[in-house]
C-alpha atoms as a PDB file:
ATOM      1  CA  MET A   1      -0.003  -0.028  -0.003  1.00  0.00           C
ATOM      2  CA  GLU A   2       1.335   3.479  -0.903  1.00  0.00           C
ATOM      3  CA  THR A   3       1.944   5.994   1.747  1.00  0.00           C
ATOM      4  CA  VAL A   4       0.679   9.580   1.836  1.00  0.00           C
ATOM      5  CA  TYR A   5       2.011  12.250   4.086  1.00  0.00           C
ATOM      6  CA  ILE A   6      -0.851  14.615   4.960  1.00  0.00           C
ATOM      7  CA  GLU A   7       0.446  18.152   5.182  1.00  0.00           C
ATOM      8  CA  THR A   8      -1.446  20.664   7.283  1.00  0.00           C
ATOM      9  CA  THR A   9      -3.141  22.674   4.552  1.00  0.00           C
ATOM     10  CA  VAL A  10      -5.102  19.520   3.439  1.00  0.00           C
ATOM     11  CA  VAL A  11      -6.692  18.881   6.849  1.00  0.00           C
ATOM     12  CA  SER A  12      -7.338  22.579   7.170  1.00  0.00           C
ATOM     13  CA  LEU A  13      -9.331  22.817   4.059  1.00  0.00           C
ATOM     14  CA  LEU A  14     -10.995  19.390   5.065  1.00  0.00           C
ATOM     15  CA  VAL A  15     -12.599  20.646   8.147  1.00  0.00           C
ATOM     16  CA  ALA A  16     -12.955  24.483   7.193  1.00  0.00           C
ATOM     17  CA  ASP A  17     -16.276  26.215   7.098  1.00  0.00           C
ATOM     18  CA  PRO A  18     -17.450  26.526   3.437  1.00  0.00           C
ATOM     19  CA  SER A  19     -15.716  29.298   1.605  1.00  0.00           C
ATOM     20  CA  ARG A  20     -17.590  31.980  -0.386  1.00  0.00           C
ATOM     21  CA  GLY A  21     -14.483  32.322  -2.840  1.00  0.00           C
ATOM     22  CA  LEU A  22     -15.032  30.223  -5.965  1.00  0.00           C
ATOM     23  CA  ILE A  23     -11.424  28.779  -6.000  1.00  0.00           C
ATOM     24  CA  MET A  24     -11.251  28.152  -2.224  1.00  0.00           C
ATOM     25  CA  ALA A  25     -14.557  26.453  -2.224  1.00  0.00           C
ATOM     26  CA  ALA A  26     -13.565  24.240  -5.191  1.00  0.00           C
ATOM     27  CA  ASN A  27     -10.191  23.379  -3.374  1.00  0.00           C
ATOM     28  CA  GLN A  28     -12.316  22.381  -0.306  1.00  0.00           C
ATOM     29  CA  GLN A  29     -14.553  20.254  -2.327  1.00  0.00           C
ATOM     30  CA  ALA A  30     -11.604  18.525  -3.985  1.00  0.00           C
ATOM     31  CA  THR A  31     -10.094  17.722  -0.618  1.00  0.00           C
ATOM     32  CA  ARG A  32     -13.270  16.388   0.722  1.00  0.00           C
ATOM     33  CA  ASP A  33     -13.836  14.226  -2.424  1.00  0.00           C
ATOM     34  CA  TRP A  34     -10.225  12.917  -2.027  1.00  0.00           C
ATOM     35  CA  TRP A  35     -10.699  12.257   1.642  1.00  0.00           C
ATOM     36  CA  ARG A  36     -13.952  10.413   1.073  1.00  0.00           C
ATOM     37  CA  LEU A  37     -13.040   8.460  -2.146  1.00  0.00           C
ATOM     38  CA  ARG A  38      -9.373   7.836  -2.118  1.00  0.00           C
ATOM     39  CA  ARG A  39      -7.916   8.177   1.458  1.00  0.00           C
ATOM     40  CA  GLY A  40      -8.750   4.456   2.183  1.00  0.00           C
ATOM     41  CA  ASP A  41      -6.500   3.426  -0.725  1.00  0.00           C
ATOM     42  CA  PHE A  42      -3.509   4.775   1.116  1.00  0.00           C
ATOM     43  CA  LEU A  43      -1.637   4.532   4.343  1.00  0.00           C
ATOM     44  CA  CYS A  44      -1.913   8.125   5.567  1.00  0.00           C
ATOM     45  CA  ILE A  45       0.620   9.510   7.820  1.00  0.00           C
ATOM     46  CA  VAL A  46       1.288  12.863   9.563  1.00  0.00           C
ATOM     47  CA  SER A  47       4.041  14.153  11.864  1.00  0.00           C
ATOM     48  CA  SER A  48       4.181  16.014  15.149  1.00  0.00           C
ATOM     49  CA  GLU A  49       4.844  19.167  13.031  1.00  0.00           C
ATOM     50  CA  VAL A  50       1.399  18.574  11.369  1.00  0.00           C
ATOM     51  CA  LEU A  51      -0.172  18.201  14.789  1.00  0.00           C
ATOM     52  CA  ARG A  52       1.583  21.195  16.138  1.00  0.00           C
ATOM     53  CA  GLU A  53       0.286  23.498  13.134  1.00  0.00           C
ATOM     54  CA  ALA A  54      -3.156  21.924  13.160  1.00  0.00           C
ATOM     55  CA  GLY A  55      -3.392  22.887  16.951  1.00  0.00           C
ATOM     56  CA  CYS A  56      -2.798  26.594  16.234  1.00  0.00           C
ATOM     57  CA  GLY A  57      -5.245  29.293  15.420  1.00  0.00           C
ATOM     58  CA  ASP A  58      -9.058  29.299  16.003  1.00  0.00           C
ATOM     59  CA  PRO A  59      -9.766  26.976  18.777  1.00  0.00           C
ATOM     60  CA  GLU A  60     -12.788  25.341  17.169  1.00  0.00           C
ATOM     61  CA  GLN A  61     -10.948  24.847  13.841  1.00  0.00           C
ATOM     62  CA  ALA A  62      -7.947  23.492  15.681  1.00  0.00           C
ATOM     63  CA  ARG A  63     -10.222  20.984  17.478  1.00  0.00           C
ATOM     64  CA  ARG A  64     -11.741  19.888  14.234  1.00  0.00           C
ATOM     65  CA  ARG A  65      -8.302  19.401  12.523  1.00  0.00           C
ATOM     66  CA  LEU A  66      -6.777  17.527  15.572  1.00  0.00           C
ATOM     67  CA  GLU A  67      -9.971  15.327  15.791  1.00  0.00           C
ATOM     68  CA  VAL A  68      -9.579  14.180  11.954  1.00  0.00           C
ATOM     69  CA  LEU A  69      -5.857  13.644  12.547  1.00  0.00           C
ATOM     70  CA  ARG A  70      -6.241  11.435  15.648  1.00  0.00           C
ATOM     71  CA  ALA A  71      -7.046   8.597  13.305  1.00  0.00           C
ATOM     72  CA  LEU A  72      -3.735   8.833  11.260  1.00  0.00           C
ATOM     73  CA  ALA A  73      -0.331   7.238  12.126  1.00  0.00           C
ATOM     74  CA  VAL A  74       2.192   9.769  13.322  1.00  0.00           C
ATOM     75  CA  VAL A  75       5.869   9.388  12.065  1.00  0.00           C
ATOM     76  CA  SER A  76       8.805  10.571  14.122  1.00  0.00           C
ATOM     77  CA  VAL A  77      10.853  13.625  13.467  1.00  0.00           C
ATOM     78  CA  THR A  78      14.389  12.326  13.237  1.00  0.00           C
ATOM     79  CA  SER A  79      17.837  13.850  13.381  1.00  0.00           C
ATOM     80  CA  GLU A  80      18.040  12.871   9.682  1.00  0.00           C
ATOM     81  CA  SER A  81      15.008  14.569   8.769  1.00  0.00           C
ATOM     82  CA  GLU A  82      16.067  17.709  10.760  1.00  0.00           C
ATOM     83  CA  ARG A  83      19.286  17.630   8.909  1.00  0.00           C
ATOM     84  CA  LEU A  84      17.629  17.294   5.592  1.00  0.00           C
ATOM     85  CA  ALA A  85      15.204  20.120   6.365  1.00  0.00           C
ATOM     86  CA  GLU A  86      18.166  22.265   7.265  1.00  0.00           C
ATOM     87  CA  ALA A  87      19.777  21.399   3.952  1.00  0.00           C
ATOM     88  CA  PHE A  88      16.670  22.198   2.009  1.00  0.00           C
ATOM     89  CA  VAL A  89      16.585  25.696   3.630  1.00  0.00           C
ATOM     90  CA  THR A  90      20.335  26.023   2.887  1.00  0.00           C
ATOM     91  CA  THR A  91      19.797  25.558  -0.839  1.00  0.00           C
ATOM     92  CA  ARG A  92      17.894  28.974  -0.686  1.00  0.00           C
ATOM     93  CA  ALA A  93      15.209  27.227  -2.962  1.00  0.00           C
ATOM     94  CA  LEU A  94      13.026  27.937   0.137  1.00  0.00           C
ATOM     95  CA  PRO A  95      12.948  31.164   1.877  1.00  0.00           C
ATOM     96  CA  PRO A  96      14.148  31.212   5.524  1.00  0.00           C
ATOM     97  CA  GLN A  97      10.544  31.676   6.850  1.00  0.00           C
ATOM     98  CA  ALA A  98       9.595  28.344   5.048  1.00  0.00           C
ATOM     99  CA  GLN A  99      11.427  26.153   7.635  1.00  0.00           C
ATOM    100  CA  THR A 100       8.065  24.364   8.488  1.00  0.00           C
ATOM    101  CA  ASP A 101       7.493  23.634   4.730  1.00  0.00           C
ATOM    102  CA  ALA A 102      11.196  22.140   4.663  1.00  0.00           C
ATOM    103  CA  ALA A 103      10.486  20.126   7.716  1.00  0.00           C
ATOM    104  CA  HIS A 104       7.263  18.612   6.141  1.00  0.00           C
ATOM    105  CA  LEU A 105       9.160  17.654   2.961  1.00  0.00           C
ATOM    106  CA  ALA A 106      12.181  16.162   4.954  1.00  0.00           C
ATOM    107  CA  ILE A 107      10.085  14.178   7.267  1.00  0.00           C
ATOM    108  CA  ALA A 108       8.002  12.705   4.463  1.00  0.00           C
ATOM    109  CA  THR A 109      11.250  12.005   2.570  1.00  0.00           C
ATOM    110  CA  VAL A 110      12.945  10.210   5.463  1.00  0.00           C
ATOM    111  CA  ALA A 111       9.625   8.414   6.267  1.00  0.00           C
ATOM    112  CA  ARG A 112       9.881   7.188   2.640  1.00  0.00           C
ATOM    113  CA  ALA A 113       6.372   8.413   1.897  1.00  0.00           C
ATOM    114  CA  ASP A 114       5.322   7.814  -1.688  1.00  0.00           C
ATOM    115  CA  TYR A 115       3.320  11.187  -1.899  1.00  0.00           C
ATOM    116  CA  LEU A 116       3.143  14.368   0.139  1.00  0.00           C
ATOM    117  CA  LEU A 117      -0.403  15.862  -0.275  1.00  0.00           C
ATOM    118  CA  THR A 118      -0.584  19.616   0.092  1.00  0.00           C
ATOM    119  CA  TRP A 119      -2.223  22.720  -1.021  1.00  0.00           C
ATOM    120  CA  ASN A 120       0.935  24.640  -0.462  1.00  0.00           C
ATOM    121  CA  CYS A 121       1.656  25.611  -3.979  1.00  0.00           C
ATOM    122  CA  ARG A 122       4.002  28.428  -3.113  1.00  0.00           C
ATOM    123  CA  HIS A 123       6.659  26.323  -1.395  1.00  0.00           C
ATOM    124  CA  LEU A 124       5.794  22.668  -1.688  1.00  0.00           C
ATOM    125  CA  ALA A 125       3.773  21.808  -4.856  1.00  0.00           C
ATOM    126  CA  ASN A 126       6.137  23.991  -6.877  1.00  0.00           C
ATOM    127  CA  GLY A 127       7.986  22.444  -9.763  1.00  0.00           C
ATOM    128  CA  GLN A 128      10.847  24.795  -9.748  1.00  0.00           C
ATOM    129  CA  ILE A 129      11.462  24.499  -6.000  1.00  0.00           C
ATOM    130  CA  LEU A 130      10.969  20.822  -6.001  1.00  0.00           C
ATOM    131  CA  ARG A 131      13.571  20.440  -8.798  1.00  0.00           C
ATOM    132  CA  ARG A 132      16.219  22.046  -6.729  1.00  0.00           C
ATOM    133  CA  LEU A 133      15.246  20.206  -3.536  1.00  0.00           C
ATOM    134  CA  SER A 134      15.242  16.890  -5.438  1.00  0.00           C
ATOM    135  CA  ALA A 135      18.835  17.431  -6.369  1.00  0.00           C
ATOM    136  CA  GLU A 136      19.855  18.200  -2.781  1.00  0.00           C
ATOM    137  CA  ALA A 137      17.954  15.119  -1.454  1.00  0.00           C
ATOM    138  CA  THR A 138      19.660  12.981  -4.130  1.00  0.00           C
ATOM    139  CA  THR A 139      23.112  14.153  -3.135  1.00  0.00           C
ATOM    140  CA  ARG A 140      22.329  12.970   0.447  1.00  0.00           C
ATOM    141  CA  GLY A 141      20.934   9.594  -0.901  1.00  0.00           C
ATOM    142  CA  TRP A 142      17.271  10.416  -0.480  1.00  0.00           C
ATOM    143  CA  HIS A 143      14.458  10.337  -2.950  1.00  0.00           C
ATOM    144  CA  LEU A 144      11.600  12.947  -2.655  1.00  0.00           C
ATOM    145  CA  PRO A 145       7.947  11.859  -2.440  1.00  0.00           C
ATOM    146  CA  THR A 146       5.737  12.907  -5.239  1.00  0.00           C
ATOM    147  CA  VAL A 147       4.317  16.301  -4.091  1.00  0.00           C
ATOM    148  CA  CYS A 148       0.925  16.906  -5.137  1.00  0.00           C
ATOM    149  CA  THR A 149      -2.591  18.349  -4.432  1.00  0.00           C
ATOM    150  CA  PRO A 150      -5.663  16.280  -3.823  1.00  0.00           C
ATOM    151  CA  PRO A 151      -7.018  16.466  -7.399  1.00  0.00           C
ATOM    152  CA  GLU A 152      -3.671  15.104  -8.675  1.00  0.00           C
ATOM    153  CA  LEU A 153      -3.881  12.160  -6.479  1.00  0.00           C
ATOM    154  CA  MET A 154      -7.641  11.273  -7.290  1.00  0.00           C
ATOM    155  CA  GLY A 155      -6.592   8.460  -9.738  1.00  0.00           C
ATOM    156  CA  ASP A 156      -8.919   7.080 -12.242  1.00  0.00           C
ATOM    157  CA  LEU A 157     -12.391   6.881 -10.611  1.00  0.00           C
ATOM    158  CA  THR A 158     -14.166   6.067 -13.824  1.00  0.00           C
ATOM    159  CA  ASP A 159     -16.239   2.833 -13.989  1.00  0.00           C
ATOM    160  CA  GLU A 160     -14.293   0.671 -16.282  1.00  0.00           C
ATOM    161  CA  SER A 161     -17.600  -1.169 -17.371  1.00  0.00           C
ATOM    162  CA  GLU A 162     -18.715   2.121 -19.098  1.00  0.00           C
ATOM    163  CA  PRO A 163     -17.603   2.585 -22.806  1.00  0.00           C
ATOM    164  CA  ASN A 164     -15.255   5.254 -23.651  1.00  0.00           C
ATOM    165  CA  SER A 165     -16.837   8.329 -24.996  1.00  0.00           C
END
């Protein structure tokens, strides 16, 4: 079974009150669809960093996030993942304020997750940044997980018994 590291933005959109913004509402729905239709196809993991972030902010939203995360396996933050996160920031592909994003990617990498699921397209689901971070990981003997958003990990949900149109 493939492993998916669930980054904080995913669970935030999953439990958030419905947005009035068209794009945000669509992202929320895509997240809920993935959670309902695909989550069971994967071993979903989080880290203490996800739990820490999920516990911040509005108390009711934090409660909702932590409630959903309670059912997922928690992987450890290791000294190796801390070193890798530091190396990611040192590349300057990520800005210094993106240390948490570097930590998520490093933890998922060291945990050998197949995917990192996120809505953070500024620092994580960003092809130019990932290209540089992948090179850094490779020099250290690691392989980055595939970083994607929920719609990118929906797979083919079509009924194969239906003829192609």
